[in-house]
C-alpha atoms as a PDB file:
ATOM      1  CA  UNK A   1      67.738  63.318 -96.039  1.00  0.00           C
ATOM      2  CA  UNK A   2      66.553  60.031 -94.609  1.00  0.00           C
ATOM      3  CA  UNK A   3      62.895  59.353 -95.279  1.00  0.00           C
ATOM      4  CA  UNK A   4      62.466  56.835 -92.460  1.00  0.00           C
ATOM      5  CA  UNK A   5      60.175  58.350 -89.833  1.00  0.00           C
ATOM      6  CA  UNK A   6      57.466  56.907 -87.596  1.00  0.00           C
ATOM      7  CA  UNK A   7      54.978  58.178 -90.222  1.00  0.00           C
ATOM      8  CA  UNK A   8      56.574  56.294 -93.124  1.00  0.00           C
ATOM      9  CA  UNK A   9      57.082  53.205 -90.969  1.00  0.00           C
ATOM     10  CA  UNK A  10      53.379  53.235 -89.993  1.00  0.00           C
ATOM     11  CA  UNK A  11      52.331  53.366 -93.650  1.00  0.00           C
ATOM     12  CA  UNK A  12      54.813  50.686 -94.662  1.00  0.00           C
ATOM     13  CA  UNK A  13      53.676  48.410 -91.833  1.00  0.00           C
ATOM     14  CA  UNK A  14      50.043  48.944 -92.855  1.00  0.00           C
ATOM     15  CA  UNK A  15      51.055  48.174 -96.476  1.00  0.00           C
ATOM     16  CA  UNK A  16      49.537  51.424 -97.716  1.00  0.00           C
ATOM     17  CA  UNK A  17      50.993  53.117-100.811  1.00  0.00           C
ATOM     18  CA  UNK A  18      52.526  56.576-100.432  1.00  0.00           C
ATOM     19  CA  UNK A  19      55.232  58.742-101.888  1.00  0.00           C
ATOM     20  CA  UNK A  20      57.662  61.039-100.130  1.00  0.00           C
ATOM     21  CA  UNK A  21      58.074  64.626-101.308  1.00  0.00           C
ATOM     22  CA  UNK A  22      61.031  66.570 -99.927  1.00  0.00           C
ATOM     23  CA  UNK A  23      61.580  70.336-100.054  1.00  0.00           C
ATOM     24  CA  UNK A  24      63.848  72.952 -98.506  1.00  0.00           C
ATOM     25  CA  UNK A  25      62.240  73.834 -95.191  1.00  0.00           C
ATOM     26  CA  UNK A  26      62.741  77.468 -94.197  1.00  0.00           C
ATOM     27  CA  UNK A  27      62.366  78.080 -90.462  1.00  0.00           C
ATOM     28  CA  UNK A  28      60.542  81.122 -89.185  1.00  0.00           C
ATOM     29  CA  UNK A  29      57.688  80.914 -91.692  1.00  0.00           C
ATOM     30  CA  UNK A  30      54.374  82.174 -90.344  1.00  0.00           C
ATOM     31  CA  UNK A  31      52.351  79.727 -92.400  1.00  0.00           C
ATOM     32  CA  UNK A  32      54.392  76.555 -92.753  1.00  0.00           C
ATOM     33  CA  UNK A  33      51.705  74.692 -94.709  1.00  0.00           C
ATOM     34  CA  UNK A  34      51.441  77.412 -97.345  1.00  0.00           C
ATOM     35  CA  UNK A  35      55.221  77.529 -97.624  1.00  0.00           C
ATOM     36  CA  UNK A  36      55.293  73.742 -98.122  1.00  0.00           C
ATOM     37  CA  UNK A  37      52.534  73.871-100.755  1.00  0.00           C
ATOM     38  CA  UNK A  38      54.404  76.514-102.720  1.00  0.00           C
ATOM     39  CA  UNK A  39      57.735  74.688-102.381  1.00  0.00           C
ATOM     40  CA  UNK A  40      56.341  71.386-103.713  1.00  0.00           C
ATOM     41  CA  UNK A  41      54.060  72.948-106.323  1.00  0.00           C
ATOM     42  CA  UNK A  42      50.775  71.501-105.084  1.00  0.00           C
ATOM     43  CA  UNK A  43      47.683  73.597-104.459  1.00  0.00           C
ATOM     44  CA  UNK A  44      47.246  74.520-100.761  1.00  0.00           C
ATOM     45  CA  UNK A  45      43.839  72.846-100.541  1.00  0.00           C
ATOM     46  CA  UNK A  46      45.496  69.427-100.989  1.00  0.00           C
ATOM     47  CA  UNK A  47      48.472  70.119 -98.699  1.00  0.00           C
ATOM     48  CA  UNK A  48      47.128  69.538 -95.210  1.00  0.00           C
ATOM     49  CA  UNK A  49      48.497  70.891 -91.956  1.00  0.00           C
ATOM     50  CA  UNK A  50      48.407  68.936 -88.707  1.00  0.00           C
ATOM     51  CA  UNK A  51      47.199  70.875 -85.678  1.00  0.00           C
ATOM     52  CA  UNK A  52      47.334  69.516 -82.145  1.00  0.00           C
ATOM     53  CA  UNK A  53      44.536  70.640 -79.845  1.00  0.00           C
ATOM     54  CA  UNK A  54      42.966  70.076 -76.485  1.00  0.00           C
ATOM     55  CA  UNK A  55      39.238  69.412 -76.425  1.00  0.00           C
ATOM     56  CA  UNK A  56      37.873  69.674 -72.907  1.00  0.00           C
ATOM     57  CA  UNK A  57      41.477  69.201 -71.741  1.00  0.00           C
ATOM     58  CA  UNK A  58      42.062  66.008 -73.768  1.00  0.00           C
ATOM     59  CA  UNK A  59      44.444  65.778 -76.748  1.00  0.00           C
ATOM     60  CA  UNK A  60      43.071  65.727 -80.282  1.00  0.00           C
ATOM     61  CA  UNK A  61      44.475  66.207 -83.767  1.00  0.00           C
ATOM     62  CA  UNK A  62      42.891  68.188 -86.613  1.00  0.00           C
ATOM     63  CA  UNK A  63      44.148  67.907 -90.189  1.00  0.00           C
ATOM     64  CA  UNK A  64      42.997  70.739 -92.447  1.00  0.00           C
ATOM     65  CA  UNK A  65      43.985  72.385 -95.753  1.00  0.00           C
ATOM     66  CA  UNK A  66      46.981  74.685 -95.364  1.00  0.00           C
ATOM     67  CA  UNK A  67      45.010  77.645 -96.721  1.00  0.00           C
ATOM     68  CA  UNK A  68      42.127  77.338 -94.235  1.00  0.00           C
ATOM     69  CA  UNK A  69      41.586  78.159 -90.564  1.00  0.00           C
ATOM     70  CA  UNK A  70      40.077  76.080 -87.774  1.00  0.00           C
ATOM     71  CA  UNK A  71      36.749  76.770 -86.157  1.00  0.00           C
ATOM     72  CA  UNK A  72      37.266  75.888 -82.497  1.00  0.00           C
ATOM     73  CA  UNK A  73      33.507  75.430 -82.140  1.00  0.00           C
ATOM     74  CA  UNK A  74      33.462  72.877 -84.972  1.00  0.00           C
ATOM     75  CA  UNK A  75      36.554  71.130 -83.597  1.00  0.00           C
ATOM     76  CA  UNK A  76      34.915  70.766 -80.182  1.00  0.00           C
ATOM     77  CA  UNK A  77      31.758  69.374 -81.828  1.00  0.00           C
ATOM     78  CA  UNK A  78      33.759  66.959 -83.988  1.00  0.00           C
ATOM     79  CA  UNK A  79      35.391  65.445 -80.905  1.00  0.00           C
ATOM     80  CA  UNK A  80      32.239  65.496 -78.760  1.00  0.00           C
ATOM     81  CA  UNK A  81      33.413  68.278 -76.479  1.00  0.00           C
ATOM     82  CA  UNK A  82      32.348  71.705 -75.347  1.00  0.00           C
ATOM     83  CA  UNK A  83      35.516  73.724 -75.942  1.00  0.00           C
ATOM     84  CA  UNK A  84      38.753  73.467 -77.888  1.00  0.00           C
ATOM     85  CA  UNK A  85      42.046  75.291 -77.805  1.00  0.00           C
ATOM     86  CA  UNK A  86      45.412  74.933 -79.473  1.00  0.00           C
ATOM     87  CA  UNK A  87      47.871  72.703 -77.628  1.00  0.00           C
ATOM     88  CA  UNK A  88      51.101  74.420 -76.526  1.00  0.00           C
ATOM     89  CA  UNK A  89      53.946  73.489 -78.938  1.00  0.00           C
ATOM     90  CA  UNK A  90      56.112  71.816 -76.286  1.00  0.00           C
ATOM     91  CA  UNK A  91      53.216  69.613 -75.202  1.00  0.00           C
ATOM     92  CA  UNK A  92      52.410  68.751 -78.847  1.00  0.00           C
ATOM     93  CA  UNK A  93      56.040  67.713 -79.383  1.00  0.00           C
ATOM     94  CA  UNK A  94      56.057  65.464 -76.307  1.00  0.00           C
ATOM     95  CA  UNK A  95      52.732  63.867 -77.234  1.00  0.00           C
ATOM     96  CA  UNK A  96      53.501  63.221 -80.907  1.00  0.00           C
ATOM     97  CA  UNK A  97      57.255  62.622 -80.810  1.00  0.00           C
ATOM     98  CA  UNK A  98      57.653  65.135 -83.658  1.00  0.00           C
ATOM     99  CA  UNK A  99      59.002  68.702 -83.746  1.00  0.00           C
ATOM    100  CA  UNK A 100      56.642  71.555 -84.630  1.00  0.00           C
ATOM    101  CA  UNK A 101      56.826  72.169 -88.357  1.00  0.00           C
ATOM    102  CA  UNK A 102      57.175  68.407 -88.793  1.00  0.00           C
ATOM    103  CA  UNK A 103      54.173  67.004 -86.915  1.00  0.00           C
ATOM    104  CA  UNK A 104      52.468  64.262 -88.891  1.00  0.00           C
ATOM    105  CA  UNK A 105      49.046  62.776 -88.200  1.00  0.00           C
ATOM    106  CA  UNK A 106      50.692  59.401 -88.907  1.00  0.00           C
ATOM    107  CA  UNK A 107      52.813  57.432 -86.450  1.00  0.00           C
ATOM    108  CA  UNK A 108      52.365  59.700 -83.456  1.00  0.00           C
ATOM    109  CA  UNK A 109      54.026  58.535 -80.234  1.00  0.00           C
ATOM    110  CA  UNK A 110      50.769  58.629 -78.249  1.00  0.00           C
ATOM    111  CA  UNK A 111      47.587  57.970 -80.170  1.00  0.00           C
ATOM    112  CA  UNK A 112      44.810  60.521 -79.875  1.00  0.00           C
ATOM    113  CA  UNK A 113      41.572  61.055 -81.806  1.00  0.00           C
ATOM    114  CA  UNK A 114      42.161  62.480 -85.289  1.00  0.00           C
ATOM    115  CA  UNK A 115      39.758  64.254 -87.624  1.00  0.00           C
ATOM    116  CA  UNK A 116      40.332  65.427 -91.197  1.00  0.00           C
ATOM    117  CA  UNK A 117      38.471  68.378 -92.717  1.00  0.00           C
ATOM    118  CA  UNK A 118      35.833  66.572 -94.744  1.00  0.00           C
ATOM    119  CA  UNK A 119      36.053  68.916 -97.744  1.00  0.00           C
ATOM    120  CA  UNK A 120      39.784  68.149 -98.105  1.00  0.00           C
ATOM    121  CA  UNK A 121      39.169  64.467 -98.780  1.00  0.00           C
ATOM    122  CA  UNK A 122      37.577  64.827-102.219  1.00  0.00           C
ATOM    123  CA  UNK A 123      40.697  64.590-104.352  1.00  0.00           C
ATOM    124  CA  UNK A 124      42.525  61.419-105.382  1.00  0.00           C
ATOM    125  CA  UNK A 125      45.597  62.378-103.348  1.00  0.00           C
ATOM    126  CA  UNK A 126      46.326  64.529-100.313  1.00  0.00           C
ATOM    127  CA  UNK A 127      49.655  65.592 -98.849  1.00  0.00           C
ATOM    128  CA  UNK A 128      50.437  65.538 -95.116  1.00  0.00           C
ATOM    129  CA  UNK A 129      53.595  66.109 -93.129  1.00  0.00           C
ATOM    130  CA  UNK A 130      55.936  63.135 -93.195  1.00  0.00           C
ATOM    131  CA  UNK A 131      57.271  63.491 -89.677  1.00  0.00           C
ATOM    132  CA  UNK A 132      60.127  65.894 -90.187  1.00  0.00           C
ATOM    133  CA  UNK A 133      60.580  69.422 -91.415  1.00  0.00           C
ATOM    134  CA  UNK A 134      60.927  69.490 -95.188  1.00  0.00           C
ATOM    135  CA  UNK A 135      59.301  66.116 -95.798  1.00  0.00           C
ATOM    136  CA  UNK A 136      55.745  65.504 -96.938  1.00  0.00           C
ATOM    137  CA  UNK A 137      53.819  62.326 -97.733  1.00  0.00           C
ATOM    138  CA  UNK A 138      51.332  62.039-100.594  1.00  0.00           C
ATOM    139  CA  UNK A 139      48.651  59.377-100.244  1.00  0.00           C
ATOM    140  CA  UNK A 140      45.009  58.594-100.910  1.00  0.00           C
ATOM    141  CA  UNK A 141      42.574  60.203 -98.455  1.00  0.00           C
ATOM    142  CA  UNK A 142      41.064  56.793 -97.636  1.00  0.00           C
ATOM    143  CA  UNK A 143      44.529  55.484 -96.743  1.00  0.00           C
ATOM    144  CA  UNK A 144      45.189  58.495 -94.504  1.00  0.00           C
ATOM    145  CA  UNK A 145      41.916  57.844 -92.671  1.00  0.00           C
ATOM    146  CA  UNK A 146      42.684  54.145 -92.357  1.00  0.00           C
ATOM    147  CA  UNK A 147      46.260  54.606 -91.126  1.00  0.00           C
ATOM    148  CA  UNK A 148      45.274  57.199 -88.512  1.00  0.00           C
ATOM    149  CA  UNK A 149      41.900  55.710 -87.565  1.00  0.00           C
ATOM    150  CA  UNK A 150      40.726  59.220 -88.345  1.00  0.00           C
ATOM    151  CA  UNK A 151      37.308  60.461 -89.281  1.00  0.00           C
ATOM    152  CA  UNK A 152      36.055  63.142 -91.672  1.00  0.00           C
ATOM    153  CA  UNK A 153      34.381  66.129 -90.028  1.00  0.00           C
ATOM    154  CA  UNK A 154      33.656  69.807 -90.687  1.00  0.00           C
ATOM    155  CA  UNK A 155      36.549  71.544 -88.884  1.00  0.00           C
ATOM    156  CA  UNK A 156      37.223  74.760 -90.768  1.00  0.00           C
ATOM    157  CA  UNK A 157      35.805  78.229 -90.330  1.00  0.00           C
ATOM    158  CA  UNK A 158      33.671  79.348 -93.281  1.00  0.00           C
END
């Protein structure tokens, strides 16, 4: 499998260190992030899922641990809005340039505000989708924030 994606190109261009982790993607999984964490042998709290949302009708991206759930109230607050809802998959694919199951917070086709669950940024390395199904990228949390122009925020339900 080729590891060249807009996500890896964005990190390479920014001269940020990362490593690619590939696994056998199985379609039809209910919880893709948990499946990925199990497949690569990394605890789910460090394997982050990328969720595309609309906050007051505007696109936004939330990156949270694969074993946690979003709080729409917290998401809206994090992006300075009143309400948040999940973006329809077809719209998320058009906006990001990635297919669902392979959406990365890095190298998206159209930039939108990005927030990472603040409690997920405490380890030396996090893992995010690499821009295609079955490919993950491991990198330092500070590099993920820098490359995405993201911000830490409380996003998860308790």
